[in-house]
Amino acid sequence: MNANTTEKRYEITFPGQAPVQLAKDQILSPTLRRAIDNIEREPARVGVTLKNGIRINVA
């Protein structure tokens, strides 16, 4: 394991709340993890907004 490797973090904003930054392995919700998988599959994509208003961006 390389100590200089930075883990990709995601900024998650729930409607009406302040954004929070988390690493993918800290996210337990299957719905949020699927959304992050979709972001990771498309290199040009930097974020997504779910139908319930939750916004996920690459931090």
C-alpha atoms as a PDB file:
ATOM      1  CA  MET A   1       0.000   0.000   0.000  1.00  0.00           C
ATOM      2  CA  ASN A   2       1.369   3.376  -0.991  1.00  0.00           C
ATOM      3  CA  ALA A   3       1.173   6.084   1.693  1.00  0.00           C
ATOM      4  CA  ASN A   4       1.075   8.830  -0.968  1.00  0.00           C
ATOM      5  CA  THR A   5      -2.106   7.497  -2.594  1.00  0.00           C
ATOM      6  CA  THR A   6      -5.095   9.726  -1.974  1.00  0.00           C
ATOM      7  CA  GLU A   7      -8.488   8.137  -1.733  1.00  0.00           C
ATOM      8  CA  LYS A   8     -11.193   9.681  -3.913  1.00  0.00           C
ATOM      9  CA  ARG A   9     -13.748  11.526  -1.811  1.00  0.00           C
ATOM     10  CA  TYR A  10     -17.321  12.461  -2.567  1.00  0.00           C
ATOM     11  CA  GLU A  11     -19.301  15.473  -1.453  1.00  0.00           C
ATOM     12  CA  ILE A  12     -22.862  14.479  -0.589  1.00  0.00           C
ATOM     13  CA  THR A  13     -25.508  17.143  -0.083  1.00  0.00           C
ATOM     14  CA  PHE A  14     -28.876  16.212   1.356  1.00  0.00           C
ATOM     15  CA  PRO A  15     -31.673  18.720   0.662  1.00  0.00           C
ATOM     16  CA  GLY A  16     -31.631  21.519   3.231  1.00  0.00           C
ATOM     17  CA  GLN A  17     -28.355  20.403   4.829  1.00  0.00           C
ATOM     18  CA  ALA A  18     -24.692  21.317   4.554  1.00  0.00           C
ATOM     19  CA  PRO A  19     -22.543  19.106   2.284  1.00  0.00           C
ATOM     20  CA  VAL A  20     -20.412  16.377   3.828  1.00  0.00           C
ATOM     21  CA  GLN A  21     -17.285  14.807   2.298  1.00  0.00           C
ATOM     22  CA  LEU A  22     -16.809  11.054   2.612  1.00  0.00           C
ATOM     23  CA  ALA A  23     -14.673   8.321   1.085  1.00  0.00           C
ATOM     24  CA  LYS A  24     -16.596   5.652  -0.836  1.00  0.00           C
ATOM     25  CA  ASP A  25     -15.910   2.995   1.809  1.00  0.00           C
ATOM     26  CA  GLN A  26     -17.560   5.221   4.449  1.00  0.00           C
ATOM     27  CA  ILE A  27     -20.868   5.264   2.552  1.00  0.00           C
ATOM     28  CA  LEU A  28     -23.192   2.476   3.667  1.00  0.00           C
ATOM     29  CA  SER A  29     -26.303   3.279   1.617  1.00  0.00           C
ATOM     30  CA  PRO A  30     -26.652   0.922  -1.372  1.00  0.00           C
ATOM     31  CA  THR A  31     -28.455   3.657  -3.333  1.00  0.00           C
ATOM     32  CA  LEU A  32     -25.654   6.179  -2.807  1.00  0.00           C
ATOM     33  CA  ARG A  33     -23.003   3.573  -3.612  1.00  0.00           C
ATOM     34  CA  ARG A  34     -24.752   2.686  -6.906  1.00  0.00           C
ATOM     35  CA  ALA A  35     -24.842   6.385  -7.808  1.00  0.00           C
ATOM     36  CA  ILE A  36     -21.109   6.664  -7.073  1.00  0.00           C
ATOM     37  CA  ASP A  37     -20.442   3.565  -9.200  1.00  0.00           C
ATOM     38  CA  ASN A  38     -22.236   5.321 -12.073  1.00  0.00           C
ATOM     39  CA  ILE A  39     -20.078   8.424 -11.587  1.00  0.00           C
ATOM     40  CA  GLU A  40     -16.906   6.302 -11.604  1.00  0.00           C
ATOM     41  CA  ARG A  41     -17.901   4.440 -14.798  1.00  0.00           C
ATOM     42  CA  GLU A  42     -18.084   7.647 -16.819  1.00  0.00           C
ATOM     43  CA  PRO A  43     -14.780   9.553 -16.635  1.00  0.00           C
ATOM     44  CA  ALA A  44     -16.307  12.875 -17.724  1.00  0.00           C
ATOM     45  CA  ARG A  45     -19.053  12.761 -15.085  1.00  0.00           C
ATOM     46  CA  VAL A  46     -18.302  14.724 -11.917  1.00  0.00           C
ATOM     47  CA  GLY A  47     -21.634  14.443 -10.130  1.00  0.00           C
ATOM     48  CA  VAL A  48     -25.234  13.351 -10.094  1.00  0.00           C
ATOM     49  CA  THR A  49     -28.512  14.478  -8.543  1.00  0.00           C
ATOM     50  CA  LEU A  50     -30.869  11.740  -7.402  1.00  0.00           C
ATOM     51  CA  LYS A  51     -34.667  11.935  -7.741  1.00  0.00           C
ATOM     52  CA  ASN A  52     -34.973  12.634  -4.009  1.00  0.00           C
ATOM     53  CA  GLY A  53     -32.754  15.735  -4.323  1.00  0.00           C
ATOM     54  CA  ILE A  54     -29.537  14.286  -2.922  1.00  0.00           C
ATOM     55  CA  ARG A  55     -26.534  15.652  -4.830  1.00  0.00           C
ATOM     56  CA  ILE A  56     -23.282  13.668  -5.100  1.00  0.00           C
ATOM     57  CA  ASN A  57     -20.129  15.281  -6.520  1.00  0.00           C
ATOM     58  CA  VAL A  58     -16.525  14.193  -6.761  1.00  0.00           C
ATOM     59  CA  ALA A  59     -14.743  16.272  -4.122  1.00  0.00           C
END
